[in-house]
Amino acid sequence: MVFGVNFVLLLVNLLFMKKSLILILLFFYFQWGSAQSTTVPFTLEDRDRLLKIEQKLNDMEKRFDDRFQQNEGRFQQMEKRFEERFLQIEKRLDEMRADMNARFEQQYTFSWIFSAIFTAMLVAVFGFAYWDRKTFIKPIESKVSLLEKALENELKTKENTPNLKEILKDFAKIDSRFAEILKQHNIL
């Protein structure tokens, strides 16, 4: 309505037309405004149309609900499959973890066994070396004690006092090990 009034005032101010023209325009303007304000009565056809529209809306709502329920069922099935899949994956990971723990336990046991074997071998080698030294030194000690006794006997008897080097050389002729020892010490 504001547009119409402004339009009329614009025509009046700009054109300064005849009064009749203004009256005709005002008449049409007010007739048009009163036609818009009248109410249209609600008919049975309108009521039937509204009922049909309401029925269609209810049908559409029911179809949407059915679709949503179908989709919800699908989602629940997918969720169930995912849960089963995750449980299978978790089970496989647990089995792999148990296998890895068993392997690490085997390797740990193997390293202990290997360490025990190495320690036993080391003790055996040192024991053998000690035993060999003992068995090697005893005959030499007994021979040296024999030599000492022989020297003592010679000194006591004071017969032909040969030189100690000669005695050792003579004994080296009898025992080859003793000869090697004397050669190592540059006595022979």
C-alpha atoms as a PDB file:
ATOM      1  CA  MET A   1       0.000   0.000   0.000  1.00  0.00           C
ATOM      2  CA  VAL A   2       2.869   2.319   0.640  1.00  0.00           C
ATOM      3  CA  PHE A   3       4.047   1.893  -2.910  1.00  0.00           C
ATOM      4  CA  GLY A   4       0.639   2.916  -4.242  1.00  0.00           C
ATOM      5  CA  VAL A   5       0.458   6.068  -2.132  1.00  0.00           C
ATOM      6  CA  ASN A   6       3.946   7.094  -3.119  1.00  0.00           C
ATOM      7  CA  PHE A   7       3.121   6.508  -6.739  1.00  0.00           C
ATOM      8  CA  VAL A   8       0.050   8.695  -6.509  1.00  0.00           C
ATOM      9  CA  LEU A   9       1.903  11.481  -4.786  1.00  0.00           C
ATOM     10  CA  LEU A  10       4.602  11.297  -7.378  1.00  0.00           C
ATOM     11  CA  LEU A  11       2.069  11.686 -10.145  1.00  0.00           C
ATOM     12  CA  VAL A  12       0.451  14.631  -8.427  1.00  0.00           C
ATOM     13  CA  ASN A  13       3.686  16.401  -7.739  1.00  0.00           C
ATOM     14  CA  LEU A  14       5.341  15.765 -11.082  1.00  0.00           C
ATOM     15  CA  LEU A  15       2.597  16.125 -13.619  1.00  0.00           C
ATOM     16  CA  PHE A  16       0.075  18.533 -12.174  1.00  0.00           C
ATOM     17  CA  MET A  17      -2.539  16.867 -14.220  1.00  0.00           C
ATOM     18  CA  LYS A  18      -6.133  17.388 -14.246  1.00  0.00           C
ATOM     19  CA  LYS A  19      -8.116  16.607 -11.198  1.00  0.00           C
ATOM     20  CA  SER A  20     -10.199  14.049 -12.998  1.00  0.00           C
ATOM     21  CA  LEU A  21      -7.218  11.965 -13.798  1.00  0.00           C
ATOM     22  CA  ILE A  22      -6.217  12.026 -10.169  1.00  0.00           C
ATOM     23  CA  LEU A  23      -9.679  11.062  -9.038  1.00  0.00           C
ATOM     24  CA  ILE A  24      -9.806   8.113 -11.435  1.00  0.00           C
ATOM     25  CA  LEU A  25      -6.483   6.864 -10.224  1.00  0.00           C
ATOM     26  CA  LEU A  26      -7.502   7.230  -6.610  1.00  0.00           C
ATOM     27  CA  PHE A  27     -10.697   5.364  -7.269  1.00  0.00           C
ATOM     28  CA  PHE A  28      -8.865   2.415  -8.849  1.00  0.00           C
ATOM     29  CA  TYR A  29      -6.327   2.434  -6.082  1.00  0.00           C
ATOM     30  CA  PHE A  30      -8.875   2.154  -3.295  1.00  0.00           C
ATOM     31  CA  GLN A  31     -10.880  -0.461  -5.159  1.00  0.00           C
ATOM     32  CA  TRP A  32      -7.795  -2.551  -5.618  1.00  0.00           C
ATOM     33  CA  GLY A  33      -6.875  -2.255  -1.909  1.00  0.00           C
ATOM     34  CA  SER A  34     -10.336  -3.254  -0.746  1.00  0.00           C
ATOM     35  CA  ALA A  35     -10.328  -6.267  -3.065  1.00  0.00           C
ATOM     36  CA  GLN A  36      -7.190  -7.556  -1.420  1.00  0.00           C
ATOM     37  CA  SER A  37      -8.567  -7.329   2.077  1.00  0.00           C
ATOM     38  CA  THR A  38     -11.651  -9.475   1.470  1.00  0.00           C
ATOM     39  CA  THR A  39     -11.551 -13.053   2.775  1.00  0.00           C
ATOM     40  CA  VAL A  40     -12.249 -16.093   0.648  1.00  0.00           C
ATOM     41  CA  PRO A  41     -14.653 -18.586   2.193  1.00  0.00           C
ATOM     42  CA  PHE A  42     -13.359 -22.128   3.003  1.00  0.00           C
ATOM     43  CA  THR A  43     -15.167 -24.667   0.804  1.00  0.00           C
ATOM     44  CA  LEU A  44     -15.681 -28.448   0.967  1.00  0.00           C
ATOM     45  CA  GLU A  45     -13.328 -28.877  -1.960  1.00  0.00           C
ATOM     46  CA  ASP A  46     -10.631 -27.114  -0.006  1.00  0.00           C
ATOM     47  CA  ARG A  47     -11.332 -29.370   2.954  1.00  0.00           C
ATOM     48  CA  ASP A  48     -11.101 -32.492   0.753  1.00  0.00           C
ATOM     49  CA  ARG A  49      -7.881 -31.233  -0.764  1.00  0.00           C
ATOM     50  CA  LEU A  50      -6.413 -30.665   2.678  1.00  0.00           C
ATOM     51  CA  LEU A  51      -7.451 -34.165   3.758  1.00  0.00           C
ATOM     52  CA  LYS A  52      -5.842 -35.663   0.636  1.00  0.00           C
ATOM     53  CA  ILE A  53      -2.673 -33.676   1.230  1.00  0.00           C
ATOM     54  CA  GLU A  54      -2.667 -34.776   4.862  1.00  0.00           C
ATOM     55  CA  GLN A  55      -3.136 -38.411   3.782  1.00  0.00           C
ATOM     56  CA  LYS A  56      -0.292 -38.093   1.276  1.00  0.00           C
ATOM     57  CA  LEU A  57       1.920 -36.557   3.943  1.00  0.00           C
ATOM     58  CA  ASN A  58       1.071 -39.396   6.330  1.00  0.00           C
ATOM     59  CA  ASP A  59       1.858 -41.946   3.600  1.00  0.00           C
ATOM     60  CA  MET A  60       5.156 -40.220   2.847  1.00  0.00           C
ATOM     61  CA  GLU A  61       5.987 -40.118   6.544  1.00  0.00           C
ATOM     62  CA  LYS A  62       5.222 -43.832   6.825  1.00  0.00           C
ATOM     63  CA  ARG A  63       7.450 -44.595   3.810  1.00  0.00           C
ATOM     64  CA  PHE A  64      10.227 -42.480   5.285  1.00  0.00           C
ATOM     65  CA  ASP A  65       9.878 -44.302   8.605  1.00  0.00           C
ATOM     66  CA  ASP A  66      10.021 -47.657   6.793  1.00  0.00           C
ATOM     67  CA  ARG A  67      13.110 -46.545   4.884  1.00  0.00           C
ATOM     68  CA  PHE A  68      14.765 -45.312   8.051  1.00  0.00           C
ATOM     69  CA  GLN A  69      14.005 -48.598   9.780  1.00  0.00           C
ATOM     70  CA  GLN A  70      15.451 -50.521   6.827  1.00  0.00           C
ATOM     71  CA  ASN A  71      18.541 -48.334   6.881  1.00  0.00           C
ATOM     72  CA  GLU A  72      18.800 -48.735  10.638  1.00  0.00           C
ATOM     73  CA  GLY A  73      18.638 -52.517  10.208  1.00  0.00           C
ATOM     74  CA  ARG A  74      21.368 -52.334   7.593  1.00  0.00           C
ATOM     75  CA  PHE A  75      23.482 -50.172   9.851  1.00  0.00           C
ATOM     76  CA  GLN A  76      23.006 -52.605  12.716  1.00  0.00           C
ATOM     77  CA  GLN A  77      24.050 -55.490  10.462  1.00  0.00           C
ATOM     78  CA  MET A  78      27.098 -53.538   9.313  1.00  0.00           C
ATOM     79  CA  GLU A  79      27.946 -52.680  12.913  1.00  0.00           C
ATOM     80  CA  LYS A  80      27.614 -56.338  13.891  1.00  0.00           C
ATOM     81  CA  ARG A  81      29.895 -57.379  11.010  1.00  0.00           C
ATOM     82  CA  PHE A  82      32.434 -54.738  11.995  1.00  0.00           C
ATOM     83  CA  GLU A  83      32.371 -55.916  15.600  1.00  0.00           C
ATOM     84  CA  GLU A  84      32.886 -59.524  14.488  1.00  0.00           C
ATOM     85  CA  ARG A  85      35.715 -58.425  12.209  1.00  0.00           C
ATOM     86  CA  PHE A  86      37.376 -56.435  14.978  1.00  0.00           C
ATOM     87  CA  LEU A  87      37.054 -59.384  17.342  1.00  0.00           C
ATOM     88  CA  GLN A  88      38.687 -61.634  14.734  1.00  0.00           C
ATOM     89  CA  ILE A  89      41.501 -59.131  14.230  1.00  0.00           C
ATOM     90  CA  GLU A  90      41.966 -58.786  17.982  1.00  0.00           C
ATOM     91  CA  LYS A  91      42.048 -62.577  18.336  1.00  0.00           C
ATOM     92  CA  ARG A  92      44.667 -62.832  15.581  1.00  0.00           C
ATOM     93  CA  LEU A  93      46.753 -60.121  17.224  1.00  0.00           C
ATOM     94  CA  ASP A  94      46.546 -61.942  20.563  1.00  0.00           C
ATOM     95  CA  GLU A  95      47.655 -65.174  18.880  1.00  0.00           C
ATOM     96  CA  MET A  96      50.536 -63.376  17.170  1.00  0.00           C
ATOM     97  CA  ARG A  97      51.536 -61.786  20.479  1.00  0.00           C
ATOM     98  CA  ALA A  98      51.477 -65.199  22.187  1.00  0.00           C
ATOM     99  CA  ASP A  99      53.584 -66.688  19.365  1.00  0.00           C
ATOM    100  CA  MET A 100      56.076 -63.840  19.621  1.00  0.00           C
ATOM    101  CA  ASN A 101      56.290 -64.241  23.398  1.00  0.00           C
ATOM    102  CA  ALA A 102      56.901 -67.976  22.958  1.00  0.00           C
ATOM    103  CA  ARG A 103      59.646 -67.263  20.416  1.00  0.00           C
ATOM    104  CA  PHE A 104      61.288 -64.723  22.685  1.00  0.00           C
ATOM    105  CA  GLU A 105      61.095 -67.209  25.542  1.00  0.00           C
ATOM    106  CA  GLN A 106      62.742 -69.854  23.344  1.00  0.00           C
ATOM    107  CA  GLN A 107      65.480 -67.425  22.340  1.00  0.00           C
ATOM    108  CA  TYR A 108      65.997 -66.433  25.965  1.00  0.00           C
ATOM    109  CA  THR A 109      66.246 -70.109  26.975  1.00  0.00           C
ATOM    110  CA  PHE A 110      68.605 -70.784  24.066  1.00  0.00           C
ATOM    111  CA  SER A 111      70.856 -67.907  25.132  1.00  0.00           C
ATOM    112  CA  TRP A 112      70.987 -69.318  28.684  1.00  0.00           C
ATOM    113  CA  ILE A 113      71.823 -72.776  27.349  1.00  0.00           C
ATOM    114  CA  PHE A 114      74.478 -71.299  25.061  1.00  0.00           C
ATOM    115  CA  SER A 115      75.971 -69.331  27.979  1.00  0.00           C
ATOM    116  CA  ALA A 116      76.015 -72.457  30.158  1.00  0.00           C
ATOM    117  CA  ILE A 117      77.720 -74.488  27.409  1.00  0.00           C
ATOM    118  CA  PHE A 118      80.297 -71.746  26.852  1.00  0.00           C
ATOM    119  CA  THR A 119      80.979 -71.505  30.599  1.00  0.00           C
ATOM    120  CA  ALA A 120      81.339 -75.285  30.876  1.00  0.00           C
ATOM    121  CA  MET A 121      83.739 -75.334  27.927  1.00  0.00           C
ATOM    122  CA  LEU A 122      85.763 -72.501  29.439  1.00  0.00           C
ATOM    123  CA  VAL A 123      85.987 -74.296  32.805  1.00  0.00           C
ATOM    124  CA  ALA A 124      86.958 -77.520  31.021  1.00  0.00           C
ATOM    125  CA  VAL A 125      89.732 -75.789  29.055  1.00  0.00           C
ATOM    126  CA  PHE A 126      91.149 -74.129  32.168  1.00  0.00           C
ATOM    127  CA  GLY A 127      90.838 -77.387  34.113  1.00  0.00           C
ATOM    128  CA  PHE A 128      92.635 -79.266  31.365  1.00  0.00           C
ATOM    129  CA  ALA A 129      95.398 -76.656  31.242  1.00  0.00           C
ATOM    130  CA  TYR A 130      95.841 -76.830  35.015  1.00  0.00           C
ATOM    131  CA  TRP A 131      95.843 -80.641  34.995  1.00  0.00           C
ATOM    132  CA  ASP A 132      98.321 -80.687  32.102  1.00  0.00           C
ATOM    133  CA  ARG A 133     100.642 -78.340  33.964  1.00  0.00           C
ATOM    134  CA  LYS A 134     100.468 -80.486  37.051  1.00  0.00           C
ATOM    135  CA  THR A 135     101.179 -83.675  35.123  1.00  0.00           C
ATOM    136  CA  PHE A 136     103.968 -81.984  33.205  1.00  0.00           C
ATOM    137  CA  ILE A 137     105.665 -80.527  36.252  1.00  0.00           C
ATOM    138  CA  LYS A 138     105.546 -83.651  38.482  1.00  0.00           C
ATOM    139  CA  PRO A 139     107.912 -85.750  36.333  1.00  0.00           C
ATOM    140  CA  ILE A 140     110.297 -82.859  36.076  1.00  0.00           C
ATOM    141  CA  GLU A 141     110.215 -82.327  39.828  1.00  0.00           C
ATOM    142  CA  SER A 142     110.890 -85.994  40.418  1.00  0.00           C
ATOM    143  CA  LYS A 143     113.784 -85.927  37.969  1.00  0.00           C
ATOM    144  CA  VAL A 144     115.188 -82.776  39.525  1.00  0.00           C
ATOM    145  CA  SER A 145     114.940 -84.378  42.958  1.00  0.00           C
ATOM    146  CA  LEU A 146     116.783 -87.411  41.572  1.00  0.00           C
ATOM    147  CA  LEU A 147     119.441 -85.093  40.238  1.00  0.00           C
ATOM    148  CA  GLU A 148     119.724 -83.369  43.573  1.00  0.00           C
ATOM    149  CA  LYS A 149     120.139 -86.703  45.298  1.00  0.00           C
ATOM    150  CA  ALA A 150     122.718 -87.704  42.757  1.00  0.00           C
ATOM    151  CA  LEU A 151     124.585 -84.474  43.283  1.00  0.00           C
ATOM    152  CA  GLU A 152     124.453 -84.873  47.004  1.00  0.00           C
ATOM    153  CA  ASN A 153     125.756 -88.399  46.689  1.00  0.00           C
ATOM    154  CA  GLU A 154     128.571 -87.221  44.513  1.00  0.00           C
ATOM    155  CA  LEU A 155     129.493 -84.442  46.812  1.00  0.00           C
ATOM    156  CA  LYS A 156     129.477 -86.809  49.733  1.00  0.00           C
ATOM    157  CA  THR A 157     131.610 -89.330  48.065  1.00  0.00           C
ATOM    158  CA  LYS A 158     133.891 -86.720  46.562  1.00  0.00           C
ATOM    159  CA  GLU A 159     134.767 -89.038  43.790  1.00  0.00           C
ATOM    160  CA  ASN A 160     135.269 -87.655  40.388  1.00  0.00           C
ATOM    161  CA  THR A 161     133.452 -84.433  40.843  1.00  0.00           C
ATOM    162  CA  PRO A 162     132.107 -83.739  37.428  1.00  0.00           C
ATOM    163  CA  ASN A 163     130.667 -80.447  36.521  1.00  0.00           C
ATOM    164  CA  LEU A 164     126.914 -79.856  37.015  1.00  0.00           C
ATOM    165  CA  LYS A 165     126.569 -78.978  33.357  1.00  0.00           C
ATOM    166  CA  GLU A 166     127.969 -82.284  32.387  1.00  0.00           C
ATOM    167  CA  ILE A 167     125.525 -84.067  34.666  1.00  0.00           C
ATOM    168  CA  LEU A 168     122.626 -82.154  33.142  1.00  0.00           C
ATOM    169  CA  LYS A 169     123.881 -82.937  29.653  1.00  0.00           C
ATOM    170  CA  ASP A 170     124.171 -86.599  30.518  1.00  0.00           C
ATOM    171  CA  PHE A 171     120.661 -86.626  31.913  1.00  0.00           C
ATOM    172  CA  ALA A 172     119.437 -84.748  28.811  1.00  0.00           C
ATOM    173  CA  LYS A 173     120.760 -87.601  26.721  1.00  0.00           C
ATOM    174  CA  ILE A 174     118.440 -89.943  28.592  1.00  0.00           C
ATOM    175  CA  ASP A 175     115.323 -87.710  28.650  1.00  0.00           C
ATOM    176  CA  SER A 176     114.426 -85.782  25.515  1.00  0.00           C
ATOM    177  CA  ARG A 177     111.993 -83.463  27.342  1.00  0.00           C
ATOM    178  CA  PHE A 178     114.637 -82.456  29.740  1.00  0.00           C
ATOM    179  CA  ALA A 179     116.978 -81.777  26.806  1.00  0.00           C
ATOM    180  CA  GLU A 180     114.399 -79.440  25.285  1.00  0.00           C
ATOM    181  CA  ILE A 181     114.071 -77.545  28.536  1.00  0.00           C
ATOM    182  CA  LEU A 182     117.819 -77.135  28.780  1.00  0.00           C
ATOM    183  CA  LYS A 183     117.940 -75.880  25.187  1.00  0.00           C
ATOM    184  CA  GLN A 184     115.281 -73.320  25.973  1.00  0.00           C
ATOM    185  CA  HIS A 185     117.383 -71.984  28.824  1.00  0.00           C
ATOM    186  CA  ASN A 186     120.555 -72.053  26.724  1.00  0.00           C
ATOM    187  CA  ILE A 187     122.265 -74.545  28.998  1.00  0.00           C
ATOM    188  CA  LEU A 188     122.988 -76.992  26.180  1.00  0.00           C
END
